[in-house]
Each structure stands twice: as C-alpha cells, then as structure tokens.
Amino acid sequence: MDESGDRIFKALAKIQPNLLDVLGKFQEVELQDVEIELDELELFLPQIAASAARAVAETVAERPTELLREVFAPPPVKYNTQIIEVKLGATKTEGGSRD
C-alpha cells in the first residue's frame, strides 16, 4: 500500500475501528450526499468484465425481421347525452358569406 492509501486506512481506523470489516461484508455500498475530490483516478477493469460485455452485446445484436401482427379494436364508447348540431356562420340569404 502506498503512503496515501496508508493514510486513508489510518484515518478510517480512527473514525470507526471496525468500519472496513463492516464494509467487507457487503457486495455493494451506496453513498448519499458525498463529494469526492480527486487529482487522479485510476480504474482497474478485469478482463472478465470485457468478455461479459461482449457476450451481452452479441445477444442484443439480433434485430427483429418483422413487426408483430395485432388487430386493433377500439373500445365501444357510450355517450350519455345526444350530440347537438351547431350552425356556424350565416348563409347569403341570412346576410352572411356562407353558401
């Protein structure tokens, strides 16, 4: 462990002596309202993750050749009231411009 990692380990041991043991029991930890400032970040991704990603990509690559055939039947609509016709505008005999 390098010097900065050793300092972090010692700081965590002062805050909560068994914190690393408690976190070690979980597969995943979710932090809320946390800000992390870094100068450099190095990620290590094992080859297993890359091969798994390729396998998923291969299964997703299959595209459908045709659309699903489905018959649409609109639901019956029952109106509670009768529709009233409205005359818009006046005819020429009534002084308007409509034929």
N, C-alpha and C. Protein backbone atom coordinates (compact mmCIF):
# COMPACT_ATOMS: atom_id res chain seq x y z
N MET A 1 0.86 -1.17 0.00
CA MET A 1 0.00 0.00 0.00
C MET A 1 0.91 1.24 0.00
N ASP A 2 0.59 2.23 -0.81
CA ASP A 2 1.42 3.44 -0.85
C ASP A 2 1.11 4.34 0.34
N GLU A 3 1.80 5.45 0.40
CA GLU A 3 1.68 6.35 1.56
C GLU A 3 0.28 6.95 1.70
N SER A 4 -0.33 7.38 0.59
CA SER A 4 -1.67 7.98 0.68
C SER A 4 -2.71 6.94 1.07
N GLY A 5 -2.59 5.73 0.55
CA GLY A 5 -3.51 4.67 0.93
C GLY A 5 -3.38 4.31 2.39
N ASP A 6 -2.14 4.33 2.88
CA ASP A 6 -1.90 4.05 4.30
C ASP A 6 -2.52 5.13 5.18
N ARG A 7 -2.43 6.39 4.74
CA ARG A 7 -3.03 7.49 5.49
C ARG A 7 -4.55 7.37 5.54
N ILE A 8 -5.14 6.98 4.43
CA ILE A 8 -6.60 6.80 4.38
C ILE A 8 -7.02 5.67 5.31
N PHE A 9 -6.28 4.57 5.27
CA PHE A 9 -6.59 3.43 6.13
C PHE A 9 -6.52 3.83 7.60
N LYS A 10 -5.50 4.58 7.98
CA LYS A 10 -5.34 5.02 9.37
C LYS A 10 -6.46 5.98 9.77
N ALA A 11 -6.85 6.87 8.83
CA ALA A 11 -7.93 7.82 9.14
C ALA A 11 -9.25 7.08 9.36
N LEU A 12 -9.53 6.09 8.52
CA LEU A 12 -10.75 5.31 8.69
C LEU A 12 -10.72 4.51 9.99
N ALA A 13 -9.57 4.03 10.37
CA ALA A 13 -9.45 3.27 11.62
C ALA A 13 -9.71 4.16 12.83
N LYS A 14 -9.36 5.44 12.72
CA LYS A 14 -9.62 6.37 13.82
C LYS A 14 -11.11 6.71 13.92
N ILE A 15 -11.76 6.86 12.77
CA ILE A 15 -13.19 7.21 12.75
C ILE A 15 -14.02 6.06 13.30
N GLN A 16 -13.83 4.91 12.76
CA GLN A 16 -14.59 3.72 13.17
C GLN A 16 -13.64 2.54 13.07
N PRO A 17 -13.21 1.99 14.16
CA PRO A 17 -12.19 0.93 14.14
C PRO A 17 -12.58 -0.27 13.28
N ASN A 18 -13.83 -0.65 13.27
CA ASN A 18 -14.23 -1.84 12.50
C ASN A 18 -14.98 -1.50 11.22
N LEU A 19 -14.80 -0.28 10.71
CA LEU A 19 -15.52 0.15 9.51
C LEU A 19 -15.18 -0.72 8.31
N LEU A 20 -13.91 -1.00 8.11
CA LEU A 20 -13.52 -1.82 6.96
C LEU A 20 -14.06 -3.24 7.07
N ASP A 21 -14.13 -3.79 8.29
CA ASP A 21 -14.70 -5.12 8.48
C ASP A 21 -16.19 -5.12 8.15
N VAL A 22 -16.89 -4.08 8.58
CA VAL A 22 -18.33 -3.97 8.32
C VAL A 22 -18.58 -3.83 6.82
N LEU A 23 -17.81 -2.96 6.15
CA LEU A 23 -18.00 -2.77 4.71
C LEU A 23 -17.60 -4.01 3.92
N GLY A 24 -16.70 -4.80 4.44
CA GLY A 24 -16.25 -6.00 3.76
C GLY A 24 -17.34 -7.06 3.66
N LYS A 25 -18.38 -6.99 4.46
CA LYS A 25 -19.46 -7.97 4.45
C LYS A 25 -20.45 -7.73 3.31
N PHE A 26 -20.41 -6.56 2.71
CA PHE A 26 -21.38 -6.21 1.67
C PHE A 26 -20.74 -6.25 0.29
N GLN A 27 -21.53 -6.61 -0.71
CA GLN A 27 -21.07 -6.62 -2.09
C GLN A 27 -21.08 -5.22 -2.68
N GLU A 28 -21.99 -4.38 -2.19
CA GLU A 28 -22.16 -3.05 -2.78
C GLU A 28 -22.52 -2.08 -1.68
N VAL A 29 -21.97 -0.87 -1.78
CA VAL A 29 -22.26 0.17 -0.81
C VAL A 29 -22.71 1.41 -1.57
N GLU A 30 -23.82 2.01 -1.15
CA GLU A 30 -24.33 3.22 -1.80
C GLU A 30 -24.16 4.39 -0.84
N LEU A 31 -23.51 5.43 -1.32
CA LEU A 31 -23.28 6.62 -0.51
C LEU A 31 -24.19 7.74 -1.00
N GLN A 32 -24.74 8.50 -0.06
CA GLN A 32 -25.60 9.63 -0.43
C GLN A 32 -25.00 10.91 0.11
N ASP A 33 -25.16 12.00 -0.64
CA ASP A 33 -24.65 13.31 -0.26
C ASP A 33 -23.16 13.26 0.05
N VAL A 34 -22.38 12.70 -0.89
CA VAL A 34 -20.94 12.57 -0.71
C VAL A 34 -20.25 13.31 -1.85
N GLU A 35 -19.27 14.10 -1.50
CA GLU A 35 -18.45 14.77 -2.51
C GLU A 35 -17.03 14.24 -2.40
N ILE A 36 -16.46 13.84 -3.53
CA ILE A 36 -15.10 13.32 -3.55
C ILE A 36 -14.29 14.17 -4.51
N GLU A 37 -13.19 14.71 -4.03
CA GLU A 37 -12.28 15.49 -4.86
C GLU A 37 -11.04 14.66 -5.12
N LEU A 38 -10.66 14.53 -6.40
CA LEU A 38 -9.53 13.70 -6.78
C LEU A 38 -8.60 14.46 -7.71
N ASP A 39 -7.31 14.21 -7.57
CA ASP A 39 -6.36 14.73 -8.55
C ASP A 39 -6.24 13.75 -9.71
N GLU A 40 -6.17 12.46 -9.38
CA GLU A 40 -6.08 11.41 -10.39
C GLU A 40 -7.00 10.28 -9.98
N LEU A 41 -7.54 9.59 -10.97
CA LEU A 41 -8.39 8.43 -10.70
C LEU A 41 -7.95 7.31 -11.63
N GLU A 42 -7.64 6.18 -11.06
CA GLU A 42 -7.21 5.03 -11.85
C GLU A 42 -8.20 3.90 -11.63
N LEU A 43 -8.77 3.40 -12.73
CA LEU A 43 -9.74 2.32 -12.65
C LEU A 43 -9.11 1.03 -13.16
N PHE A 44 -9.38 -0.05 -12.48
CA PHE A 44 -8.91 -1.36 -12.90
C PHE A 44 -10.13 -2.18 -13.28
N LEU A 45 -10.23 -2.53 -14.55
CA LEU A 45 -11.34 -3.34 -15.04
C LEU A 45 -10.79 -4.68 -15.50
N PRO A 46 -11.12 -5.76 -14.82
CA PRO A 46 -10.57 -7.06 -15.21
C PRO A 46 -11.11 -7.51 -16.56
N GLN A 47 -10.41 -8.46 -17.17
CA GLN A 47 -10.79 -8.97 -18.49
C GLN A 47 -12.13 -9.68 -18.46
N ILE A 48 -12.54 -10.18 -17.34
CA ILE A 48 -13.82 -10.89 -17.23
C ILE A 48 -14.97 -9.95 -17.59
N ALA A 49 -14.89 -8.70 -17.14
CA ALA A 49 -15.95 -7.73 -17.42
C ALA A 49 -16.04 -7.45 -18.91
N ALA A 50 -14.89 -7.36 -19.58
CA ALA A 50 -14.89 -7.08 -21.02
C ALA A 50 -15.51 -8.24 -21.79
N SER A 51 -15.20 -9.48 -21.43
CA SER A 51 -15.78 -10.63 -22.14
C SER A 51 -17.28 -10.74 -21.87
N ALA A 52 -17.71 -10.41 -20.66
CA ALA A 52 -19.14 -10.43 -20.35
C ALA A 52 -19.87 -9.36 -21.13
N ALA A 53 -19.26 -8.20 -21.30
CA ALA A 53 -19.89 -7.12 -22.07
C ALA A 53 -20.03 -7.52 -23.53
N ARG A 54 -19.04 -8.20 -24.07
CA ARG A 54 -19.13 -8.67 -25.47
C ARG A 54 -20.25 -9.69 -25.62
N ALA A 55 -20.40 -10.59 -24.64
CA ALA A 55 -21.45 -11.61 -24.72
C ALA A 55 -22.83 -10.96 -24.69
N VAL A 56 -23.01 -9.94 -23.87
CA VAL A 56 -24.28 -9.23 -23.81
C VAL A 56 -24.54 -8.50 -25.12
N ALA A 57 -23.51 -7.88 -25.68
CA ALA A 57 -23.66 -7.15 -26.94
C ALA A 57 -24.04 -8.09 -28.07
N GLU A 58 -23.53 -9.31 -28.08
CA GLU A 58 -23.86 -10.27 -29.13
C GLU A 58 -25.32 -10.70 -29.05
N THR A 59 -25.85 -10.87 -27.85
CA THR A 59 -27.24 -11.27 -27.72
C THR A 59 -28.19 -10.13 -28.08
N VAL A 60 -27.79 -8.89 -27.83
CA VAL A 60 -28.63 -7.74 -28.14
C VAL A 60 -28.59 -7.43 -29.64
N ALA A 61 -27.55 -7.86 -30.34
CA ALA A 61 -27.38 -7.51 -31.75
C ALA A 61 -28.47 -8.10 -32.65
N GLU A 62 -29.18 -9.12 -32.20
CA GLU A 62 -30.23 -9.71 -33.03
C GLU A 62 -31.41 -8.75 -33.13
N ARG A 63 -31.77 -8.41 -34.37
CA ARG A 63 -32.87 -7.46 -34.58
C ARG A 63 -34.08 -8.19 -35.13
N PRO A 64 -35.26 -7.68 -34.85
CA PRO A 64 -36.45 -8.34 -35.37
C PRO A 64 -36.52 -8.18 -36.89
N THR A 65 -37.07 -9.20 -37.56
CA THR A 65 -37.19 -9.15 -39.01
C THR A 65 -38.53 -8.60 -39.46
N GLU A 66 -39.55 -8.65 -38.61
CA GLU A 66 -40.86 -8.10 -38.97
C GLU A 66 -41.57 -7.60 -37.71
N LEU A 67 -42.58 -6.78 -37.93
CA LEU A 67 -43.36 -6.26 -36.82
C LEU A 67 -44.39 -7.29 -36.37
N LEU A 68 -44.78 -7.20 -35.15
CA LEU A 68 -45.82 -8.09 -34.64
C LEU A 68 -47.16 -7.73 -35.27
N ARG A 69 -47.91 -8.73 -35.63
CA ARG A 69 -49.25 -8.52 -36.22
C ARG A 69 -50.26 -8.50 -35.09
N GLU A 70 -51.02 -7.43 -35.00
CA GLU A 70 -52.02 -7.29 -33.95
C GLU A 70 -53.23 -6.55 -34.51
N VAL A 71 -54.41 -7.02 -34.16
CA VAL A 71 -55.65 -6.38 -34.61
C VAL A 71 -56.08 -5.38 -33.54
N PHE A 72 -56.41 -4.17 -34.00
CA PHE A 72 -56.85 -3.14 -33.07
C PHE A 72 -58.36 -3.04 -33.12
N ALA A 73 -58.98 -3.17 -31.99
CA ALA A 73 -60.42 -3.00 -31.89
C ALA A 73 -60.67 -1.91 -30.85
N PRO A 74 -61.11 -0.72 -31.30
CA PRO A 74 -61.34 0.35 -30.33
C PRO A 74 -62.46 -0.03 -29.37
N PRO A 75 -62.34 0.36 -28.14
CA PRO A 75 -63.38 0.02 -27.17
C PRO A 75 -64.68 0.76 -27.50
N PRO A 76 -65.83 0.12 -27.26
CA PRO A 76 -67.10 0.80 -27.54
C PRO A 76 -67.29 1.99 -26.60
N VAL A 77 -67.77 3.09 -27.18
CA VAL A 77 -67.98 4.30 -26.40
C VAL A 77 -69.47 4.56 -26.31
N LYS A 78 -69.96 4.78 -25.11
CA LYS A 78 -71.37 5.09 -24.91
C LYS A 78 -71.45 6.53 -24.41
N TYR A 79 -72.15 7.37 -25.16
CA TYR A 79 -72.31 8.77 -24.78
C TYR A 79 -73.57 8.93 -23.94
N ASN A 80 -73.48 9.71 -22.91
CA ASN A 80 -74.62 9.91 -22.02
C ASN A 80 -75.64 10.91 -22.57
N THR A 81 -75.17 11.80 -23.42
CA THR A 81 -76.07 12.81 -23.99
C THR A 81 -76.00 12.77 -25.50
N GLN A 82 -77.01 13.39 -26.14
CA GLN A 82 -77.04 13.45 -27.60
C GLN A 82 -76.18 14.61 -28.07
N ILE A 83 -75.51 14.41 -29.21
CA ILE A 83 -74.68 15.47 -29.77
C ILE A 83 -75.58 16.48 -30.48
N ILE A 84 -75.39 17.75 -30.19
CA ILE A 84 -76.23 18.82 -30.75
C ILE A 84 -75.48 19.45 -31.92
N GLU A 85 -76.20 19.63 -33.05
CA GLU A 85 -75.61 20.28 -34.20
C GLU A 85 -75.67 21.78 -34.02
N VAL A 86 -74.56 22.44 -34.39
CA VAL A 86 -74.48 23.90 -34.27
C VAL A 86 -74.18 24.45 -35.66
N LYS A 87 -74.90 25.48 -36.05
CA LYS A 87 -74.69 26.12 -37.35
C LYS A 87 -73.71 27.26 -37.15
N LEU A 88 -72.59 27.22 -37.91
CA LEU A 88 -71.57 28.26 -37.81
C LEU A 88 -71.73 29.22 -38.99
N GLY A 89 -71.87 30.47 -38.71
CA GLY A 89 -71.98 31.49 -39.76
C GLY A 89 -73.37 31.52 -40.37
N ALA A 90 -73.59 32.56 -41.11
CA ALA A 90 -74.91 32.75 -41.74
C ALA A 90 -74.77 32.52 -43.23
N THR A 91 -75.88 32.07 -43.87
CA THR A 91 -75.90 31.89 -45.32
C THR A 91 -76.05 33.26 -45.97
N LYS A 92 -75.91 33.30 -47.31
CA LYS A 92 -76.03 34.57 -48.02
C LYS A 92 -77.43 35.16 -47.85
N THR A 93 -78.45 34.33 -47.81
CA THR A 93 -79.81 34.83 -47.64
C THR A 93 -80.02 35.41 -46.24
N GLU A 94 -79.20 34.97 -45.29
CA GLU A 94 -79.30 35.47 -43.93
C GLU A 94 -78.33 36.64 -43.68
N GLY A 95 -77.64 37.06 -44.75
CA GLY A 95 -76.71 38.18 -44.62
C GLY A 95 -75.26 37.80 -44.38
N GLY A 96 -74.97 36.51 -44.51
CA GLY A 96 -73.60 36.04 -44.28
C GLY A 96 -72.88 35.71 -45.58
N SER A 97 -71.74 35.11 -45.48
CA SER A 97 -70.96 34.79 -46.67
C SER A 97 -70.97 33.29 -46.98
N ARG A 98 -71.65 32.49 -46.19
CA ARG A 98 -71.67 31.05 -46.41
C ARG A 98 -72.71 30.71 -47.47
N ASP A 99 -72.37 29.72 -48.30
CA ASP A 99 -73.31 29.27 -49.36
C ASP A 99 -74.40 28.42 -48.81
